C-alpha atoms as a PDB file:
ATOM      1  CA  MET A   1       0.000   0.000   0.000  1.00  0.00           C
ATOM      2  CA  LYS A   2       1.309   3.430  -0.865  1.00  0.00           C
ATOM      3  CA  GLU A   3       1.678   5.973   1.901  1.00  0.00           C
ATOM      4  CA  LEU A   4      -1.405   7.931   2.849  1.00  0.00           C
ATOM      5  CA  SER A   5      -1.560  11.543   1.764  1.00  0.00           C
ATOM      6  CA  GLU A   6      -1.907  14.333   4.317  1.00  0.00           C
ATOM      7  CA  ASP A   7      -5.587  14.636   3.320  1.00  0.00           C
ATOM      8  CA  GLN A   8      -6.102  10.921   3.941  1.00  0.00           C
ATOM      9  CA  LEU A   9      -4.319  11.140   7.298  1.00  0.00           C
ATOM     10  CA  SER A  10      -6.565  14.051   8.304  1.00  0.00           C
ATOM     11  CA  GLU A  11      -9.624  12.109   7.203  1.00  0.00           C
ATOM     12  CA  LEU A  12      -8.387   9.041   9.112  1.00  0.00           C
ATOM     13  CA  GLU A  13      -8.033  11.121  12.280  1.00  0.00           C
ATOM     14  CA  ALA A  14     -11.508  12.625  11.853  1.00  0.00           C
ATOM     15  CA  MET A  15     -13.063   9.194  11.366  1.00  0.00           C
ATOM     16  CA  ALA A  16     -11.177   7.756  14.341  1.00  0.00           C
ATOM     17  CA  LYS A  17     -12.611  10.616  16.376  1.00  0.00           C
ATOM     18  CA  LEU A  18     -16.037   9.199  15.524  1.00  0.00           C
ATOM     19  CA  MET A  19     -14.848   5.790  16.799  1.00  0.00           C
ATOM     20  CA  LEU A  20     -15.092   4.123  13.404  1.00  0.00           C
ATOM     21  CA  SER A  21     -13.268   0.813  13.112  1.00  0.00           C
ATOM     22  CA  ILE A  22     -10.100   0.277  11.106  1.00  0.00           C
ATOM     23  CA  SER A  23     -12.172  -1.745   8.620  1.00  0.00           C
ATOM     24  CA  ASP A  24     -14.691   1.067   8.193  1.00  0.00           C
ATOM     25  CA  ILE A  25     -11.942   3.632   7.728  1.00  0.00           C
ATOM     26  CA  ALA A  26     -10.238   1.485   5.073  1.00  0.00           C
ATOM     27  CA  ILE A  27     -13.502   1.312   3.135  1.00  0.00           C
ATOM     28  CA  ILE A  28     -14.043   5.065   3.330  1.00  0.00           C
ATOM     29  CA  LEU A  29     -10.431   5.814   2.348  1.00  0.00           C
ATOM     30  CA  GLU A  30     -10.815   3.298  -0.501  1.00  0.00           C
ATOM     31  CA  VAL A  31      -7.671   1.386   0.445  1.00  0.00           C
ATOM     32  CA  ASP A  32      -7.098  -2.336   0.707  1.00  0.00           C
ATOM     33  CA  GLU A  33      -8.166  -3.359   4.216  1.00  0.00           C
ATOM     34  CA  HIS A  34      -5.478  -6.029   4.624  1.00  0.00           C
ATOM     35  CA  ALA A  35      -2.701  -3.640   3.579  1.00  0.00           C
ATOM     36  CA  PHE A  36      -4.175  -0.895   5.758  1.00  0.00           C
ATOM     37  CA  ARG A  37      -4.225  -3.208   8.777  1.00  0.00           C
ATOM     38  CA  GLU A  38      -0.557  -4.025   8.153  1.00  0.00           C
ATOM     39  CA  VAL A  39       0.285  -0.317   8.092  1.00  0.00           C
ATOM     40  CA  MET A  40      -1.687   0.165  11.303  1.00  0.00           C
ATOM     41  CA  GLU A  41       0.400  -2.488  13.080  1.00  0.00           C
ATOM     42  CA  ASP A  42       3.368  -0.096  13.103  1.00  0.00           C
ATOM     43  CA  LYS A  43       2.755   1.895  16.293  1.00  0.00           C
ATOM     44  CA  GLN A  44       5.401   4.448  15.265  1.00  0.00           C
ATOM     45  CA  ALA A  45       3.846   5.205  11.858  1.00  0.00           C
ATOM     46  CA  ASP A  46       1.781   8.324  11.173  1.00  0.00           C
ATOM     47  CA  PRO A  47      -1.469   6.436  10.405  1.00  0.00           C
ATOM     48  CA  TRP A  48      -1.446   4.703  13.804  1.00  0.00           C
ATOM     49  CA  LYS A  49      -0.574   7.947  15.579  1.00  0.00           C
ATOM     50  CA  ARG A  50      -3.347   9.834  13.789  1.00  0.00           C
ATOM     51  CA  PHE A  51      -5.829   7.027  14.523  1.00  0.00           C
ATOM     52  CA  GLN A  52      -4.996   7.124  18.235  1.00  0.00           C
ATOM     53  CA  SER A  53      -4.982  10.918  18.268  1.00  0.00           C
ATOM     54  CA  GLY A  54      -8.492  11.021  16.829  1.00  0.00           C
ATOM     55  CA  ARG A  55      -9.790   8.545  19.365  1.00  0.00           C
ATOM     56  CA  MET A  56      -8.113  10.284  22.304  1.00  0.00           C
ATOM     57  CA  LYS A  57      -9.432  13.694  21.215  1.00  0.00           C
ATOM     58  CA  SER A  58     -12.961  12.298  21.158  1.00  0.00           C
ATOM     59  CA  ILE A  59     -12.549  10.760  24.600  1.00  0.00           C
ATOM     60  CA  ALA A  60     -11.148  14.046  25.910  1.00  0.00           C
ATOM     61  CA  GLU A  61     -14.141  15.989  24.538  1.00  0.00           C
ATOM     62  CA  VAL A  62     -16.594  13.610  26.187  1.00  0.00           C
ATOM     63  CA  ARG A  63     -14.720  13.799  29.482  1.00  0.00           C
ATOM     64  CA  LYS A  64     -14.700  17.596  29.291  1.00  0.00           C
ATOM     65  CA  SER A  65     -18.471  17.517  28.823  1.00  0.00           C
ATOM     66  CA  ILE A  66     -18.826  15.254  31.857  1.00  0.00           C
ATOM     67  CA  PHE A  67     -16.745  17.588  34.022  1.00  0.00           C
ATOM     68  CA  ASP A  68     -18.611  20.655  32.729  1.00  0.00           C
ATOM     69  CA  LEU A  69     -21.960  19.039  33.545  1.00  0.00           C
ATOM     70  CA  ALA A  70     -20.651  17.924  36.945  1.00  0.00           C
ATOM     71  CA  ALA A  71     -19.492  21.459  37.747  1.00  0.00           C
ATOM     72  CA  ASN A  72     -22.982  22.696  36.846  1.00  0.00           C
ATOM     73  CA  GLY A  73     -24.601  20.335  39.338  1.00  0.00           C
ATOM     74  CA  SER A  74     -25.540  17.248  37.328  1.00  0.00           C
ATOM     75  CA  SER A  75     -25.620  14.402  39.830  1.00  0.00           C
ATOM     76  CA  PRO A  76     -25.054  11.635  37.211  1.00  0.00           C
ATOM     77  CA  ALA A  77     -22.162  13.617  35.746  1.00  0.00           C
ATOM     78  CA  GLN A  78     -20.700  14.159  39.216  1.00  0.00           C
ATOM     79  CA  THR A  79     -20.811  10.409  39.836  1.00  0.00           C
ATOM     80  CA  GLU A  80     -19.102   9.715  36.511  1.00  0.00           C
ATOM     81  CA  ALA A  81     -16.539  12.470  37.115  1.00  0.00           C
ATOM     82  CA  MET A  82     -15.640  10.979  40.483  1.00  0.00           C
ATOM     83  CA  LYS A  83     -15.191   7.577  38.833  1.00  0.00           C
ATOM     84  CA  LEU A  84     -12.889   9.129  36.217  1.00  0.00           C
ATOM     85  CA  ILE A  85     -10.924  10.876  38.956  1.00  0.00           C
ATOM     86  CA  ARG A  86     -10.542   7.655  40.973  1.00  0.00           C
ATOM     87  CA  ASP A  87      -9.453   5.745  37.860  1.00  0.00           C
ATOM     88  CA  ALA A  88      -6.909   8.423  36.984  1.00  0.00           C
ATOM     89  CA  MET A  89      -5.525   8.435  40.507  1.00  0.00           C
ATOM     90  CA  MET A  90      -5.207   4.623  40.490  1.00  0.00           C
ATOM     91  CA  GLU A  91      -3.242   4.795  37.228  1.00  0.00           C
ATOM     92  CA  GLU A  92      -0.710   7.066  38.910  1.00  0.00           C
ATOM     93  CA  LEU A  93       0.137   4.497  41.601  1.00  0.00           C
END
């Protein structure tokens, strides 16, 4: 598989942000899925980094929303925020 263009890498990141699977992204980018999966196995390559970046940005946005809602008094959001805080603190140990 040839290298992905900057446009394709940007599109990959945007689709990863929507939590699309590697298979779905390959179809949308119109690349061979098997070859794309091989490229994605290289954790140092730009496609993998962009894929992970997209996913992490989406997770960060959702977490920000949870903390914003919690700060505004949402009891369910406060419960979820406390769980996220506990999990983060446990990771630091």
